[in-house]
Amino acid sequence: MSVFVVETYVIRAEKRAEFKPALEEFLEFKDNNADLFTGVKSWKLYKQEFGGIGGMYIEMWEYEDIAEMDRISTRIFSAEGMKKIQKGFHLLVEPATFSTSLWTQVA
């Protein structure tokens, strides 16, 4: 059954204008480097509009299992282009709002 890596975060108020171009850079990198992302069953990004913390982003990466998650994540985040994207992304995020969870499917 699938496992999901779920990250939640809020973009710093003063960095919101930089978020969309950074997201577009990631999506272009993902499209142009599809071989790096082989094995990722799905990737989705949601924005919370109501309830909880308004404006929070919820990012979900789906993998077949934990072993695949480790192998694929290592491959993706070892790529030089992704290292650059990830470093820039963390400058946009309000650090106190960033969290990562691992969800496993029950039913």
N, C-alpha and C. Protein backbone atom coordinates (compact mmCIF):
# COMPACT_ATOMS: atom_id res chain seq x y z
N MET A 1 0.83 -1.19 0.00
CA MET A 1 0.00 0.00 0.00
C MET A 1 0.88 1.25 0.00
N SER A 2 0.31 2.32 -0.48
CA SER A 2 1.05 3.57 -0.64
C SER A 2 1.48 4.18 0.68
N VAL A 3 2.56 4.95 0.60
CA VAL A 3 2.96 5.83 1.70
C VAL A 3 2.99 7.25 1.13
N PHE A 4 2.71 8.21 2.01
CA PHE A 4 2.68 9.61 1.60
C PHE A 4 3.61 10.41 2.50
N VAL A 5 4.44 11.23 1.89
CA VAL A 5 5.20 12.23 2.62
C VAL A 5 4.40 13.51 2.49
N VAL A 6 3.99 14.06 3.63
CA VAL A 6 3.13 15.24 3.64
C VAL A 6 3.88 16.37 4.33
N GLU A 7 4.10 17.43 3.59
CA GLU A 7 4.76 18.62 4.14
C GLU A 7 3.74 19.75 4.20
N THR A 8 3.77 20.48 5.29
CA THR A 8 2.90 21.65 5.42
C THR A 8 3.77 22.86 5.73
N TYR A 9 3.35 24.00 5.19
CA TYR A 9 4.13 25.22 5.39
C TYR A 9 3.33 26.44 4.99
N VAL A 10 3.77 27.58 5.50
CA VAL A 10 3.23 28.89 5.13
C VAL A 10 4.38 29.70 4.55
N ILE A 11 4.10 30.40 3.48
CA ILE A 11 5.10 31.26 2.85
C ILE A 11 5.15 32.58 3.62
N ARG A 12 6.38 33.04 3.88
CA ARG A 12 6.55 34.32 4.57
C ARG A 12 5.81 35.42 3.81
N ALA A 13 5.17 36.32 4.53
CA ALA A 13 4.38 37.39 3.91
C ALA A 13 5.21 38.18 2.89
N GLU A 14 6.43 38.50 3.25
CA GLU A 14 7.27 39.32 2.37
C GLU A 14 7.84 38.54 1.19
N LYS A 15 7.62 37.22 1.14
CA LYS A 15 8.16 36.37 0.07
C LYS A 15 7.07 35.80 -0.84
N ARG A 16 5.81 36.17 -0.59
CA ARG A 16 4.71 35.57 -1.37
C ARG A 16 4.84 35.79 -2.87
N ALA A 17 5.32 36.94 -3.29
CA ALA A 17 5.48 37.21 -4.72
C ALA A 17 6.53 36.31 -5.36
N GLU A 18 7.45 35.79 -4.56
CA GLU A 18 8.51 34.93 -5.07
C GLU A 18 8.08 33.46 -5.15
N PHE A 19 6.97 33.13 -4.50
CA PHE A 19 6.58 31.72 -4.43
C PHE A 19 6.16 31.15 -5.78
N LYS A 20 5.30 31.87 -6.51
CA LYS A 20 4.82 31.34 -7.79
C LYS A 20 5.96 31.09 -8.77
N PRO A 21 6.91 32.03 -8.95
CA PRO A 21 8.03 31.73 -9.85
C PRO A 21 8.87 30.53 -9.36
N ALA A 22 9.01 30.39 -8.05
CA ALA A 22 9.76 29.25 -7.51
C ALA A 22 9.02 27.94 -7.78
N LEU A 23 7.71 27.96 -7.63
CA LEU A 23 6.90 26.78 -7.92
C LEU A 23 7.00 26.43 -9.40
N GLU A 24 6.91 27.42 -10.26
CA GLU A 24 7.03 27.19 -11.70
C GLU A 24 8.40 26.62 -12.06
N GLU A 25 9.45 27.07 -11.38
CA GLU A 25 10.79 26.53 -11.60
C GLU A 25 10.83 25.05 -11.23
N PHE A 26 10.22 24.69 -10.09
CA PHE A 26 10.17 23.29 -9.68
C PHE A 26 9.39 22.45 -10.69
N LEU A 27 8.22 22.92 -11.11
CA LEU A 27 7.40 22.16 -12.06
C LEU A 27 8.12 21.96 -13.39
N GLU A 28 8.83 22.98 -13.85
CA GLU A 28 9.62 22.86 -15.08
C GLU A 28 10.75 21.85 -14.89
N PHE A 29 11.42 21.92 -13.74
CA PHE A 29 12.49 20.96 -13.45
C PHE A 29 11.94 19.55 -13.43
N LYS A 30 10.80 19.37 -12.79
CA LYS A 30 10.15 18.06 -12.69
C LYS A 30 9.81 17.53 -14.09
N ASP A 31 9.25 18.38 -14.94
CA ASP A 31 8.90 17.97 -16.31
C ASP A 31 10.14 17.64 -17.14
N ASN A 32 11.19 18.45 -16.99
CA ASN A 32 12.40 18.27 -17.79
C ASN A 32 13.31 17.16 -17.27
N ASN A 33 13.04 16.65 -16.08
CA ASN A 33 13.86 15.60 -15.47
C ASN A 33 12.97 14.45 -15.00
N ALA A 34 12.06 14.04 -15.85
CA ALA A 34 11.08 13.01 -15.50
C ALA A 34 11.75 11.72 -15.01
N ASP A 35 12.94 11.42 -15.54
CA ASP A 35 13.65 10.20 -15.11
C ASP A 35 13.99 10.23 -13.63
N LEU A 36 14.29 11.41 -13.08
CA LEU A 36 14.58 11.53 -11.65
C LEU A 36 13.36 11.20 -10.80
N PHE A 37 12.17 11.49 -11.32
CA PHE A 37 10.93 11.34 -10.58
C PHE A 37 10.22 10.01 -10.85
N THR A 38 10.87 9.14 -11.62
CA THR A 38 10.30 7.82 -11.87
C THR A 38 10.10 7.10 -10.54
N GLY A 39 8.90 6.57 -10.34
CA GLY A 39 8.59 5.88 -9.09
C GLY A 39 7.77 6.71 -8.14
N VAL A 40 7.71 8.02 -8.35
CA VAL A 40 6.81 8.86 -7.56
C VAL A 40 5.42 8.61 -8.13
N LYS A 41 4.54 8.02 -7.33
CA LYS A 41 3.20 7.69 -7.83
C LYS A 41 2.36 8.93 -8.08
N SER A 42 2.52 9.93 -7.22
CA SER A 42 1.82 11.20 -7.43
C SER A 42 2.50 12.29 -6.60
N TRP A 43 2.32 13.51 -7.07
CA TRP A 43 2.75 14.70 -6.32
C TRP A 43 1.63 15.71 -6.46
N LYS A 44 1.20 16.24 -5.32
CA LYS A 44 0.12 17.22 -5.32
C LYS A 44 0.44 18.35 -4.35
N LEU A 45 -0.05 19.53 -4.68
CA LEU A 45 0.11 20.69 -3.82
C LEU A 45 -1.26 21.33 -3.64
N TYR A 46 -1.62 21.52 -2.38
CA TYR A 46 -2.90 22.13 -2.04
C TYR A 46 -2.65 23.39 -1.22
N LYS A 47 -3.61 24.31 -1.27
CA LYS A 47 -3.56 25.49 -0.43
C LYS A 47 -4.81 25.51 0.43
N GLN A 48 -4.62 25.58 1.71
CA GLN A 48 -5.75 25.60 2.65
C GLN A 48 -6.38 26.98 2.63
N GLU A 49 -7.64 27.03 2.32
CA GLU A 49 -8.35 28.31 2.21
C GLU A 49 -9.19 28.62 3.44
N PHE A 50 -9.63 27.57 4.16
CA PHE A 50 -10.53 27.78 5.27
C PHE A 50 -10.21 26.75 6.36
N GLY A 51 -10.25 27.19 7.59
CA GLY A 51 -9.96 26.29 8.71
C GLY A 51 -8.47 26.22 8.99
N GLY A 52 -8.12 25.97 10.23
CA GLY A 52 -6.71 25.87 10.59
C GLY A 52 -5.98 27.15 10.29
N ILE A 53 -4.79 27.03 9.78
CA ILE A 53 -3.96 28.17 9.43
C ILE A 53 -4.25 28.54 7.99
N GLY A 54 -4.85 29.69 7.77
CA GLY A 54 -5.16 30.15 6.43
C GLY A 54 -3.91 30.36 5.60
N GLY A 55 -3.97 29.96 4.35
CA GLY A 55 -2.84 30.14 3.46
C GLY A 55 -1.78 29.07 3.59
N MET A 56 -2.04 28.04 4.38
CA MET A 56 -1.06 26.96 4.54
C MET A 56 -1.07 26.09 3.28
N TYR A 57 0.11 25.69 2.86
CA TYR A 57 0.25 24.78 1.73
C TYR A 57 0.44 23.37 2.28
N ILE A 58 -0.15 22.41 1.59
CA ILE A 58 -0.02 20.99 1.93
C ILE A 58 0.51 20.30 0.68
N GLU A 59 1.71 19.77 0.78
CA GLU A 59 2.38 19.12 -0.33
C GLU A 59 2.42 17.62 -0.05
N MET A 60 1.98 16.81 -1.02
CA MET A 60 1.91 15.36 -0.81
C MET A 60 2.68 14.63 -1.91
N TRP A 61 3.61 13.80 -1.47
CA TRP A 61 4.37 12.93 -2.36
C TRP A 61 3.92 11.50 -2.07
N GLU A 62 3.50 10.76 -3.08
CA GLU A 62 3.05 9.39 -2.90
C GLU A 62 4.06 8.42 -3.49
N TYR A 63 4.38 7.38 -2.70
CA TYR A 63 5.31 6.34 -3.12
C TYR A 63 4.69 4.97 -2.86
N GLU A 64 5.24 3.96 -3.48
CA GLU A 64 4.74 2.60 -3.31
C GLU A 64 4.92 2.10 -1.88
N ASP A 65 6.12 2.34 -1.32
CA ASP A 65 6.41 1.90 0.05
C ASP A 65 7.58 2.71 0.58
N ILE A 66 7.95 2.47 1.83
CA ILE A 66 9.00 3.28 2.47
C ILE A 66 10.37 3.07 1.81
N ALA A 67 10.67 1.85 1.42
CA ALA A 67 11.96 1.59 0.76
C ALA A 67 12.06 2.37 -0.55
N GLU A 68 10.97 2.38 -1.33
CA GLU A 68 10.94 3.15 -2.57
C GLU A 68 11.06 4.65 -2.29
N MET A 69 10.38 5.10 -1.24
CA MET A 69 10.44 6.50 -0.86
C MET A 69 11.89 6.91 -0.59
N ASP A 70 12.60 6.12 0.19
CA ASP A 70 13.99 6.42 0.52
C ASP A 70 14.86 6.46 -0.74
N ARG A 71 14.71 5.46 -1.59
CA ARG A 71 15.54 5.36 -2.80
C ARG A 71 15.25 6.53 -3.75
N ILE A 72 13.99 6.79 -4.00
CA ILE A 72 13.60 7.84 -4.96
C ILE A 72 13.92 9.23 -4.41
N SER A 73 13.62 9.48 -3.14
CA SER A 73 13.91 10.79 -2.54
C SER A 73 15.40 11.09 -2.57
N THR A 74 16.21 10.08 -2.29
CA THR A 74 17.67 10.27 -2.35
C THR A 74 18.10 10.66 -3.75
N ARG A 75 17.55 9.98 -4.76
CA ARG A 75 17.88 10.28 -6.15
C ARG A 75 17.46 11.71 -6.52
N ILE A 76 16.23 12.08 -6.18
CA ILE A 76 15.71 13.40 -6.55
C ILE A 76 16.50 14.51 -5.86
N PHE A 77 16.66 14.39 -4.54
CA PHE A 77 17.25 15.49 -3.78
C PHE A 77 18.78 15.50 -3.81
N SER A 78 19.38 14.55 -4.54
CA SER A 78 20.83 14.58 -4.78
C SER A 78 21.17 15.32 -6.06
N ALA A 79 20.18 15.53 -6.91
CA ALA A 79 20.40 16.23 -8.18
C ALA A 79 20.72 17.70 -7.90
N GLU A 80 21.71 18.22 -8.59
CA GLU A 80 22.15 19.60 -8.36
C GLU A 80 21.02 20.61 -8.56
N GLY A 81 20.22 20.43 -9.59
CA GLY A 81 19.12 21.36 -9.84
C GLY A 81 18.11 21.36 -8.70
N MET A 82 17.84 20.18 -8.16
CA MET A 82 16.88 20.09 -7.07
C MET A 82 17.45 20.65 -5.78
N LYS A 83 18.75 20.50 -5.56
CA LYS A 83 19.39 21.10 -4.39
C LYS A 83 19.21 22.62 -4.40
N LYS A 84 19.38 23.22 -5.58
CA LYS A 84 19.21 24.66 -5.72
C LYS A 84 17.76 25.07 -5.45
N ILE A 85 16.82 24.33 -6.02
CA ILE A 85 15.40 24.62 -5.83
C ILE A 85 15.03 24.49 -4.36
N GLN A 86 15.47 23.43 -3.73
CA GLN A 86 15.14 23.19 -2.33
C GLN A 86 15.71 24.29 -1.42
N LYS A 87 16.94 24.69 -1.69
CA LYS A 87 17.56 25.75 -0.89
C LYS A 87 16.76 27.06 -1.01
N GLY A 88 16.37 27.41 -2.23
CA GLY A 88 15.58 28.62 -2.44
C GLY A 88 14.21 28.54 -1.79
N PHE A 89 13.60 27.35 -1.86
CA PHE A 89 12.28 27.14 -1.28
C PHE A 89 12.30 27.41 0.22
N HIS A 90 13.30 26.91 0.90
CA HIS A 90 13.34 27.06 2.35
C HIS A 90 13.57 28.52 2.78
N LEU A 91 14.05 29.36 1.88
CA LEU A 91 14.16 30.79 2.19
C LEU A 91 12.80 31.48 2.12
N LEU A 92 11.83 30.87 1.43
CA LEU A 92 10.50 31.45 1.29
C LEU A 92 9.56 31.08 2.43
N VAL A 93 9.86 29.97 3.10
CA VAL A 93 8.96 29.40 4.10
C VAL A 93 9.19 30.00 5.48
N GLU A 94 8.09 30.23 6.19
CA GLU A 94 8.16 30.62 7.60
C GLU A 94 8.58 29.36 8.38
N PRO A 95 9.81 29.34 8.93
CA PRO A 95 10.34 28.10 9.51
C PRO A 95 9.45 27.45 10.58
N ALA A 96 8.80 28.23 11.40
CA ALA A 96 7.99 27.66 12.48
C ALA A 96 6.76 26.92 11.96
N THR A 97 6.42 27.11 10.68
CA THR A 97 5.23 26.45 10.12
C THR A 97 5.55 25.19 9.34
N PHE A 98 6.82 24.91 9.12
CA PHE A 98 7.20 23.77 8.27
C PHE A 98 7.16 22.47 9.07
N SER A 99 6.47 21.48 8.51
CA SER A 99 6.48 20.16 9.13
C SER A 99 6.44 19.10 8.04
N THR A 100 6.98 17.94 8.36
CA THR A 100 6.95 16.78 7.47
C THR A 100 6.39 15.61 8.23
N SER A 101 5.46 14.90 7.60
CA SER A 101 4.86 13.71 8.20
C SER A 101 4.91 12.57 7.19
N LEU A 102 4.90 11.36 7.70
CA LEU A 102 4.83 10.17 6.85
C LEU A 102 3.52 9.47 7.16
N TRP A 103 2.68 9.35 6.15
CA TRP A 103 1.39 8.70 6.31
C TRP A 103 1.44 7.35 5.62
N THR A 104 0.88 6.33 6.23
CA THR A 104 0.75 5.02 5.61
C THR A 104 -0.74 4.71 5.46
N GLN A 105 -1.06 4.09 4.35
CA GLN A 105 -2.45 3.78 4.07
C GLN A 105 -2.91 2.62 4.94
N VAL A 106 -4.08 2.75 5.52
CA VAL A 106 -4.65 1.73 6.41
C VAL A 106 -5.72 0.91 5.66
N ALA A 107 -6.57 1.58 4.93
CA ALA A 107 -7.65 0.87 4.22
C ALA A 107 -7.86 1.49 2.86
